[in-house]
Amino acid sequence: MFRHSALLLLALAFATSGHAQQLNLNSVSIPTNSPAANAPVINAFSPTAASSKTSTDVVVLLHQAYELLQQKQNDAALDKVNQVIQISPKNLDAFGIRGGIYAAKKQWDLAGKDYLTVLQIDATNTQAKFNLGEIQFMQKKYDVARTSFDTLKHDRDLGDLAAYKVFLCDLLGGHDDIAATELAAFDTVAPGPSFYFGKAAWCLYHKQTEDARSWLQSAAGIYLPQKFKLYAASLFDLGYLPLPAPPQKS
């Protein structure tokens, strides 16, 4: 079994491009069939990286569970992944996908238990650590979620996203002064998406809708849609997106 069992559902190894496809930001939204809209957490456990030693039956069941989850057929997905766990009781992908299913059903305790099981099997699994923070974030337990995200700020793949989530936890948790300092720190020599989406989140939180639209438009011009959706997912789940249409010019 691979140490980090698979790529993130929304792809953490995404490339950025100045020629990224532009998104229509008159009403910035995440399509209802996108992974970000289907589940409140980033499911890091796509079965595409299954071990060569994994049986064919397990691989098939994992893919079926994964696809059913994307189709919001949560109970059917749960049945498939439970079959995997019966066959392979220490399968990281199975517990990760099941955690995503429970999260989609808002059964937070069960989701957290599965992510903790992943960490019992593989204590270095950063995706499970991130998802533990995410399910706390979705419950608005911002101080608890912040602690989880803070441990990942220097991770090679998750670092920028984790820093953005720490900022969101402070902003939404009512710590404007700390959030402002973190936002300023995002403005480095080579600012990442945390800078643009952090600016947008700050503006949305402070009801500066048109300024937020401008930051999101800038992000859409720099980052590929899959990366845009990854960072925009939190704003969607918090109800800030989609944005209303811009004011009509008289």
C-alpha atoms as a PDB file:
ATOM      1  CA  MET A   1       0.000   0.000   0.000  1.00  0.00           C
ATOM      2  CA  PHE A   2       1.340   3.394  -0.930  1.00  0.00           C
ATOM      3  CA  ARG A   3       2.265   5.737   1.937  1.00  0.00           C
ATOM      4  CA  HIS A   4      -0.125   8.415   0.657  1.00  0.00           C
ATOM      5  CA  SER A   5      -2.634   6.141  -0.917  1.00  0.00           C
ATOM      6  CA  ALA A   6      -3.684   8.348  -3.824  1.00  0.00           C
ATOM      7  CA  LEU A   7      -3.880  11.793  -5.304  1.00  0.00           C
ATOM      8  CA  LEU A   8      -6.376  14.179  -3.818  1.00  0.00           C
ATOM      9  CA  LEU A   9      -9.767  13.940  -5.408  1.00  0.00           C
ATOM     10  CA  LEU A  10      -9.379  17.456  -6.773  1.00  0.00           C
ATOM     11  CA  ALA A  11      -5.700  16.886  -7.578  1.00  0.00           C
ATOM     12  CA  LEU A  12      -3.023  18.484  -5.428  1.00  0.00           C
ATOM     13  CA  ALA A  13      -0.401  18.015  -8.123  1.00  0.00           C
ATOM     14  CA  PHE A  14      -2.228  20.473 -10.369  1.00  0.00           C
ATOM     15  CA  ALA A  15      -0.165  22.841 -12.506  1.00  0.00           C
ATOM     16  CA  THR A  16      -0.789  26.572 -12.754  1.00  0.00           C
ATOM     17  CA  SER A  17      -0.918  28.415 -16.028  1.00  0.00           C
ATOM     18  CA  GLY A  18      -1.248  31.994 -17.154  1.00  0.00           C
ATOM     19  CA  HIS A  19      -3.369  30.653 -19.972  1.00  0.00           C
ATOM     20  CA  ALA A  20      -5.822  28.879 -17.674  1.00  0.00           C
ATOM     21  CA  GLN A  21      -9.390  28.618 -18.856  1.00  0.00           C
ATOM     22  CA  GLN A  22     -11.363  31.633 -17.717  1.00  0.00           C
ATOM     23  CA  LEU A  23     -14.393  31.020 -15.520  1.00  0.00           C
ATOM     24  CA  ASN A  24     -17.591  33.048 -15.709  1.00  0.00           C
ATOM     25  CA  LEU A  25     -17.476  35.032 -12.484  1.00  0.00           C
ATOM     26  CA  ASN A  26     -20.658  37.019 -12.960  1.00  0.00           C
ATOM     27  CA  SER A  27     -22.060  34.341 -10.670  1.00  0.00           C
ATOM     28  CA  VAL A  28     -19.044  32.462  -9.394  1.00  0.00           C
ATOM     29  CA  SER A  29     -20.127  28.956  -8.532  1.00  0.00           C
ATOM     30  CA  ILE A  30     -18.975  25.383  -8.342  1.00  0.00           C
ATOM     31  CA  PRO A  31     -20.978  23.169 -10.730  1.00  0.00           C
ATOM     32  CA  THR A  32     -23.296  20.822  -8.868  1.00  0.00           C
ATOM     33  CA  ASN A  33     -21.593  17.811 -10.441  1.00  0.00           C
ATOM     34  CA  SER A  34     -18.130  18.832  -9.278  1.00  0.00           C
ATOM     35  CA  PRO A  35     -16.356  16.888  -6.535  1.00  0.00           C
ATOM     36  CA  ALA A  36     -16.194  20.012  -4.393  1.00  0.00           C
ATOM     37  CA  ALA A  37     -19.953  20.286  -4.371  1.00  0.00           C
ATOM     38  CA  ASN A  38     -20.522  16.585  -3.817  1.00  0.00           C
ATOM     39  CA  ALA A  39     -18.686  16.232  -0.536  1.00  0.00           C
ATOM     40  CA  PRO A  40     -17.749  18.670   2.223  1.00  0.00           C
ATOM     41  CA  VAL A  41     -14.245  17.277   2.613  1.00  0.00           C
ATOM     42  CA  ILE A  42     -11.432  16.570   0.221  1.00  0.00           C
ATOM     43  CA  ASN A  43     -11.467  12.842  -0.228  1.00  0.00           C
ATOM     44  CA  ALA A  44      -7.801  11.999  -0.588  1.00  0.00           C
ATOM     45  CA  PHE A  45      -8.407   8.350  -1.198  1.00  0.00           C
ATOM     46  CA  SER A  46      -9.177   7.799  -4.857  1.00  0.00           C
ATOM     47  CA  PRO A  47      -8.418   4.126  -5.582  1.00  0.00           C
ATOM     48  CA  THR A  48      -6.253   4.872  -8.613  1.00  0.00           C
ATOM     49  CA  ALA A  49      -3.021   4.168  -6.734  1.00  0.00           C
ATOM     50  CA  ALA A  50      -4.022   0.768  -5.392  1.00  0.00           C
ATOM     51  CA  SER A  51      -1.165  -1.569  -4.586  1.00  0.00           C
ATOM     52  CA  SER A  52      -0.238  -4.169  -7.200  1.00  0.00           C
ATOM     53  CA  LYS A  53      -0.846  -6.746  -4.466  1.00  0.00           C
ATOM     54  CA  THR A  54      -4.459  -5.656  -4.061  1.00  0.00           C
ATOM     55  CA  SER A  55      -6.903  -8.245  -5.401  1.00  0.00           C
ATOM     56  CA  THR A  56      -8.894  -7.484  -8.527  1.00  0.00           C
ATOM     57  CA  ASP A  57     -12.149  -7.748  -6.559  1.00  0.00           C
ATOM     58  CA  VAL A  58     -10.973  -5.106  -4.089  1.00  0.00           C
ATOM     59  CA  VAL A  59      -9.863  -2.727  -6.847  1.00  0.00           C
ATOM     60  CA  VAL A  60     -13.202  -3.085  -8.632  1.00  0.00           C
ATOM     61  CA  LEU A  61     -15.161  -2.516  -5.437  1.00  0.00           C
ATOM     62  CA  LEU A  62     -13.086   0.548  -4.560  1.00  0.00           C
ATOM     63  CA  HIS A  63     -13.671   2.091  -7.956  1.00  0.00           C
ATOM     64  CA  GLN A  64     -17.380   1.357  -7.705  1.00  0.00           C
ATOM     65  CA  ALA A  65     -17.560   2.927  -4.256  1.00  0.00           C
ATOM     66  CA  TYR A  66     -15.642   5.974  -5.457  1.00  0.00           C
ATOM     67  CA  GLU A  67     -17.892   6.482  -8.472  1.00  0.00           C
ATOM     68  CA  LEU A  68     -21.048   6.001  -6.431  1.00  0.00           C
ATOM     69  CA  LEU A  69     -19.830   8.611  -3.952  1.00  0.00           C
ATOM     70  CA  GLN A  70     -19.347  11.094  -6.793  1.00  0.00           C
ATOM     71  CA  GLN A  71     -22.897  10.362  -7.918  1.00  0.00           C
ATOM     72  CA  LYS A  72     -24.151  11.042  -4.369  1.00  0.00           C
ATOM     73  CA  GLN A  73     -25.322   7.455  -4.030  1.00  0.00           C
ATOM     74  CA  ASN A  74     -23.914   7.340  -0.538  1.00  0.00           C
ATOM     75  CA  ASP A  75     -25.620   4.228   0.782  1.00  0.00           C
ATOM     76  CA  ALA A  76     -24.675   2.191  -2.286  1.00  0.00           C
ATOM     77  CA  ALA A  77     -21.089   3.463  -1.999  1.00  0.00           C
ATOM     78  CA  LEU A  78     -21.023   2.516   1.670  1.00  0.00           C
ATOM     79  CA  ASP A  79     -22.111  -1.031   0.856  1.00  0.00           C
ATOM     80  CA  LYS A  80     -19.265  -1.417  -1.647  1.00  0.00           C
ATOM     81  CA  VAL A  81     -16.575  -0.043   0.648  1.00  0.00           C
ATOM     82  CA  ASN A  82     -17.760  -2.165   3.564  1.00  0.00           C
ATOM     83  CA  GLN A  83     -17.283  -5.215   1.360  1.00  0.00           C
ATOM     84  CA  VAL A  84     -13.674  -4.107   0.791  1.00  0.00           C
ATOM     85  CA  ILE A  85     -13.048  -3.735   4.521  1.00  0.00           C
ATOM     86  CA  GLN A  86     -14.334  -7.237   5.113  1.00  0.00           C
ATOM     87  CA  ILE A  87     -11.876  -8.554   2.512  1.00  0.00           C
ATOM     88  CA  SER A  88      -8.981  -6.225   3.374  1.00  0.00           C
ATOM     89  CA  PRO A  89      -9.295  -4.889   6.969  1.00  0.00           C
ATOM     90  CA  LYS A  90      -6.280  -2.555   6.681  1.00  0.00           C
ATOM     91  CA  ASN A  91      -6.996  -1.034   3.293  1.00  0.00           C
ATOM     92  CA  LEU A  92      -6.241   2.684   3.537  1.00  0.00           C
ATOM     93  CA  ASP A  93      -8.248   3.548   0.450  1.00  0.00           C
ATOM     94  CA  ALA A  94     -11.323   1.845   1.871  1.00  0.00           C
ATOM     95  CA  PHE A  95     -11.253   3.700   5.175  1.00  0.00           C
ATOM     96  CA  GLY A  96     -10.470   6.969   3.393  1.00  0.00           C
ATOM     97  CA  ILE A  97     -13.344   6.625   0.963  1.00  0.00           C
ATOM     98  CA  ARG A  98     -15.689   5.521   3.738  1.00  0.00           C
ATOM     99  CA  GLY A  99     -14.663   8.598   5.725  1.00  0.00           C
ATOM    100  CA  GLY A 100     -15.667  10.678   2.714  1.00  0.00           C
ATOM    101  CA  ILE A 101     -19.005   8.896   2.513  1.00  0.00           C
ATOM    102  CA  TYR A 102     -19.740   9.521   6.190  1.00  0.00           C
ATOM    103  CA  ALA A 103     -18.696  13.150   5.774  1.00  0.00           C
ATOM    104  CA  ALA A 104     -21.052  13.523   2.805  1.00  0.00           C
ATOM    105  CA  LYS A 105     -23.803  12.156   5.077  1.00  0.00           C
ATOM    106  CA  LYS A 106     -22.651  14.590   7.808  1.00  0.00           C
ATOM    107  CA  GLN A 107     -21.968  11.709  10.139  1.00  0.00           C
ATOM    108  CA  TRP A 108     -18.934  13.505  11.478  1.00  0.00           C
ATOM    109  CA  ASP A 109     -18.017  11.120  14.308  1.00  0.00           C
ATOM    110  CA  LEU A 110     -17.960   8.123  11.975  1.00  0.00           C
ATOM    111  CA  ALA A 111     -15.948  10.061   9.378  1.00  0.00           C
ATOM    112  CA  GLY A 112     -13.418  11.097  12.008  1.00  0.00           C
ATOM    113  CA  LYS A 113     -13.121   7.524  13.264  1.00  0.00           C
ATOM    114  CA  ASP A 114     -12.246   6.294   9.774  1.00  0.00           C
ATOM    115  CA  TYR A 115      -9.622   8.997   9.235  1.00  0.00           C
ATOM    116  CA  LEU A 116      -8.112   8.128  12.609  1.00  0.00           C
ATOM    117  CA  THR A 117      -8.026   4.490  11.521  1.00  0.00           C
ATOM    118  CA  VAL A 118      -6.030   5.538   8.457  1.00  0.00           C
ATOM    119  CA  LEU A 119      -3.562   7.282  10.758  1.00  0.00           C
ATOM    120  CA  GLN A 120      -3.321   4.227  12.995  1.00  0.00           C
ATOM    121  CA  ILE A 121      -2.284   2.232   9.928  1.00  0.00           C
ATOM    122  CA  ASP A 122      -0.102   5.007   8.472  1.00  0.00           C
ATOM    123  CA  ALA A 123       0.773   7.800  10.912  1.00  0.00           C
ATOM    124  CA  THR A 124       2.336   9.881   8.102  1.00  0.00           C
ATOM    125  CA  ASN A 125      -0.798  10.113   5.954  1.00  0.00           C
ATOM    126  CA  THR A 126      -1.208  13.861   5.497  1.00  0.00           C
ATOM    127  CA  GLN A 127      -4.468  13.579   3.579  1.00  0.00           C
ATOM    128  CA  ALA A 128      -6.176  11.920   6.550  1.00  0.00           C
ATOM    129  CA  LYS A 129      -4.778  14.636   8.830  1.00  0.00           C
ATOM    130  CA  PHE A 130      -6.178  17.296   6.511  1.00  0.00           C
ATOM    131  CA  ASN A 131      -9.581  15.638   6.366  1.00  0.00           C
ATOM    132  CA  LEU A 132      -9.751  15.475  10.164  1.00  0.00           C
ATOM    133  CA  GLY A 133      -9.301  19.233  10.172  1.00  0.00           C
ATOM    134  CA  GLU A 134     -11.848  19.636   7.408  1.00  0.00           C
ATOM    135  CA  ILE A 135     -14.651  17.833   9.189  1.00  0.00           C
ATOM    136  CA  GLN A 136     -14.047  20.058  12.228  1.00  0.00           C
ATOM    137  CA  PHE A 137     -14.103  23.079   9.925  1.00  0.00           C
ATOM    138  CA  MET A 138     -17.439  21.993   8.453  1.00  0.00           C
ATOM    139  CA  GLN A 139     -18.866  21.847  11.971  1.00  0.00           C
ATOM    140  CA  LYS A 140     -17.628  25.418  12.563  1.00  0.00           C
ATOM    141  CA  LYS A 141     -15.206  24.194  15.232  1.00  0.00           C
ATOM    142  CA  TYR A 142     -12.639  26.616  13.917  1.00  0.00           C
ATOM    143  CA  ASP A 143     -10.159  26.573  16.784  1.00  0.00           C
ATOM    144  CA  VAL A 144      -9.964  22.763  16.700  1.00  0.00           C
ATOM    145  CA  ALA A 145      -9.729  22.673  12.915  1.00  0.00           C
ATOM    146  CA  ARG A 146      -6.993  25.321  12.982  1.00  0.00           C
ATOM    147  CA  THR A 147      -4.776  23.074  15.080  1.00  0.00           C
ATOM    148  CA  SER A 148      -5.053  20.276  12.513  1.00  0.00           C
ATOM    149  CA  PHE A 149      -4.383  22.522   9.536  1.00  0.00           C
ATOM    150  CA  ASP A 150      -1.490  24.288  11.256  1.00  0.00           C
ATOM    151  CA  THR A 151       0.506  21.045  11.439  1.00  0.00           C
ATOM    152  CA  LEU A 152       0.388  20.792   7.619  1.00  0.00           C
ATOM    153  CA  LYS A 153       1.504  24.301   6.640  1.00  0.00           C
ATOM    154  CA  HIS A 154       4.942  23.055   5.622  1.00  0.00           C
ATOM    155  CA  ASP A 155       3.756  19.986   3.743  1.00  0.00           C
ATOM    156  CA  ARG A 156       5.042  19.880   0.170  1.00  0.00           C
ATOM    157  CA  ASP A 157       1.610  19.256  -1.384  1.00  0.00           C
ATOM    158  CA  LEU A 158      -0.855  20.564   1.182  1.00  0.00           C
ATOM    159  CA  GLY A 159       1.109  23.463   2.647  1.00  0.00           C
ATOM    160  CA  ASP A 160      -0.456  26.403   0.805  1.00  0.00           C
ATOM    161  CA  LEU A 161      -3.969  25.012   1.117  1.00  0.00           C
ATOM    162  CA  ALA A 162      -3.442  24.300   4.819  1.00  0.00           C
ATOM    163  CA  ALA A 163      -2.168  27.851   5.401  1.00  0.00           C
ATOM    164  CA  TYR A 164      -5.283  29.179   3.649  1.00  0.00           C
ATOM    165  CA  LYS A 165      -7.465  27.044   5.887  1.00  0.00           C
ATOM    166  CA  VAL A 166      -5.648  28.289   9.004  1.00  0.00           C
ATOM    167  CA  PHE A 167      -6.374  31.832   7.828  1.00  0.00           C
ATOM    168  CA  LEU A 168     -10.060  30.975   7.277  1.00  0.00           C
ATOM    169  CA  CYS A 169     -10.276  29.464  10.756  1.00  0.00           C
ATOM    170  CA  ASP A 170      -8.915  32.657  12.297  1.00  0.00           C
ATOM    171  CA  LEU A 171     -11.082  34.905  10.137  1.00  0.00           C
ATOM    172  CA  LEU A 172     -14.293  32.973  10.792  1.00  0.00           C
ATOM    173  CA  GLY A 173     -13.362  32.415  14.423  1.00  0.00           C
ATOM    174  CA  GLY A 174     -13.418  36.154  15.035  1.00  0.00           C
ATOM    175  CA  HIS A 175      -9.654  36.727  15.202  1.00  0.00           C
ATOM    176  CA  ASP A 176      -9.439  39.534  12.653  1.00  0.00           C
ATOM    177  CA  ASP A 177      -6.065  40.787  13.850  1.00  0.00           C
ATOM    178  CA  ILE A 178      -4.413  37.391  13.490  1.00  0.00           C
ATOM    179  CA  ALA A 179      -6.130  36.772  10.142  1.00  0.00           C
ATOM    180  CA  ALA A 180      -4.950  40.152   8.853  1.00  0.00           C
ATOM    181  CA  THR A 181      -1.348  39.296   9.741  1.00  0.00           C
ATOM    182  CA  GLU A 182      -1.649  35.927   7.992  1.00  0.00           C
ATOM    183  CA  LEU A 183      -3.177  37.550   4.931  1.00  0.00           C
ATOM    184  CA  ALA A 184      -0.286  40.006   4.707  1.00  0.00           C
ATOM    185  CA  ALA A 185       2.146  37.084   4.910  1.00  0.00           C
ATOM    186  CA  PHE A 186       0.526  35.501   1.839  1.00  0.00           C
ATOM    187  CA  ASP A 187       1.731  38.491  -0.213  1.00  0.00           C
ATOM    188  CA  THR A 188       5.228  37.172  -0.801  1.00  0.00           C
ATOM    189  CA  VAL A 189       7.604  37.340  -3.751  1.00  0.00           C
ATOM    190  CA  ALA A 190       5.681  34.499  -5.403  1.00  0.00           C
ATOM    191  CA  PRO A 191       2.227  34.448  -3.779  1.00  0.00           C
ATOM    192  CA  GLY A 192       0.225  31.255  -4.201  1.00  0.00           C
ATOM    193  CA  PRO A 193      -3.526  30.728  -4.470  1.00  0.00           C
ATOM    194  CA  SER A 194      -3.843  31.313  -0.718  1.00  0.00           C
ATOM    195  CA  PHE A 195      -3.111  34.982  -1.442  1.00  0.00           C
ATOM    196  CA  TYR A 196      -5.897  35.446  -4.014  1.00  0.00           C
ATOM    197  CA  PHE A 197      -8.485  33.335  -2.249  1.00  0.00           C
ATOM    198  CA  GLY A 198      -7.487  34.766   1.121  1.00  0.00           C
ATOM    199  CA  LYS A 199      -8.115  38.267  -0.242  1.00  0.00           C
ATOM    200  CA  ALA A 200     -11.446  37.144  -1.680  1.00  0.00           C
ATOM    201  CA  ALA A 201     -12.472  35.507   1.608  1.00  0.00           C
ATOM    202  CA  TRP A 202     -11.510  38.620   3.581  1.00  0.00           C
ATOM    203  CA  CYS A 203     -13.617  40.793   1.272  1.00  0.00           C
ATOM    204  CA  LEU A 204     -16.585  38.428   1.384  1.00  0.00           C
ATOM    205  CA  TYR A 205     -16.447  38.205   5.169  1.00  0.00           C
ATOM    206  CA  HIS A 206     -16.423  42.012   5.363  1.00  0.00           C
ATOM    207  CA  LYS A 207     -19.222  42.328   2.768  1.00  0.00           C
ATOM    208  CA  GLN A 208     -17.028  43.819   0.038  1.00  0.00           C
ATOM    209  CA  THR A 209     -18.577  41.756  -2.739  1.00  0.00           C
ATOM    210  CA  GLU A 210     -17.196  43.566  -5.776  1.00  0.00           C
ATOM    211  CA  ASP A 211     -13.653  43.553  -4.406  1.00  0.00           C
ATOM    212  CA  ALA A 212     -14.030  39.820  -3.802  1.00  0.00           C
ATOM    213  CA  ARG A 213     -15.216  39.349  -7.374  1.00  0.00           C
ATOM    214  CA  SER A 214     -12.087  41.087  -8.622  1.00  0.00           C
ATOM    215  CA  TRP A 215      -9.786  38.781  -6.610  1.00  0.00           C
ATOM    216  CA  LEU A 216     -11.655  35.722  -7.833  1.00  0.00           C
ATOM    217  CA  GLN A 217     -11.414  36.923 -11.423  1.00  0.00           C
ATOM    218  CA  SER A 218      -7.657  37.296 -10.988  1.00  0.00           C
ATOM    219  CA  ALA A 219      -7.423  33.769  -9.576  1.00  0.00           C
ATOM    220  CA  ALA A 220      -9.466  32.410 -12.480  1.00  0.00           C
ATOM    221  CA  GLY A 221      -7.005  33.972 -14.911  1.00  0.00           C
ATOM    222  CA  ILE A 222      -4.014  32.336 -13.232  1.00  0.00           C
ATOM    223  CA  TYR A 223      -5.103  28.890 -12.035  1.00  0.00           C
ATOM    224  CA  LEU A 224      -6.632  25.956 -13.826  1.00  0.00           C
ATOM    225  CA  PRO A 225     -10.314  25.291 -13.033  1.00  0.00           C
ATOM    226  CA  GLN A 226      -9.588  22.235 -10.863  1.00  0.00           C
ATOM    227  CA  LYS A 227      -7.271  24.241  -8.637  1.00  0.00           C
ATOM    228  CA  PHE A 228      -9.692  27.155  -8.561  1.00  0.00           C
ATOM    229  CA  LYS A 229     -12.456  24.807  -7.395  1.00  0.00           C
ATOM    230  CA  LEU A 230     -10.236  23.297  -4.712  1.00  0.00           C
ATOM    231  CA  TYR A 231      -9.703  26.662  -3.021  1.00  0.00           C
ATOM    232  CA  ALA A 232     -13.192  27.973  -3.810  1.00  0.00           C
ATOM    233  CA  ALA A 233     -14.819  24.912  -2.213  1.00  0.00           C
ATOM    234  CA  SER A 234     -14.650  26.411   1.285  1.00  0.00           C
ATOM    235  CA  LEU A 235     -16.292  29.629   0.090  1.00  0.00           C
ATOM    236  CA  PHE A 236     -19.008  27.563  -1.567  1.00  0.00           C
ATOM    237  CA  ASP A 237     -19.632  25.489   1.558  1.00  0.00           C
ATOM    238  CA  LEU A 238     -19.720  28.627   3.714  1.00  0.00           C
ATOM    239  CA  GLY A 239     -22.438  30.103   1.486  1.00  0.00           C
ATOM    240  CA  TYR A 240     -20.354  32.943   0.023  1.00  0.00           C
ATOM    241  CA  LEU A 241     -20.557  31.454  -3.453  1.00  0.00           C
ATOM    242  CA  PRO A 242     -22.169  31.763  -5.902  1.00  0.00           C
ATOM    243  CA  LEU A 243     -21.850  35.519  -5.960  1.00  0.00           C
ATOM    244  CA  PRO A 244     -24.814  37.617  -7.007  1.00  0.00           C
ATOM    245  CA  ALA A 245     -24.692  39.150 -10.441  1.00  0.00           C
ATOM    246  CA  PRO A 246     -22.721  42.406 -10.570  1.00  0.00           C
ATOM    247  CA  PRO A 247     -24.682  45.668 -10.375  1.00  0.00           C
ATOM    248  CA  GLN A 248     -26.121  46.839 -13.666  1.00  0.00           C
ATOM    249  CA  LYS A 249     -24.459  49.909 -15.097  1.00  0.00           C
ATOM    250  CA  SER A 250     -26.897  52.766 -15.546  1.00  0.00           C
END
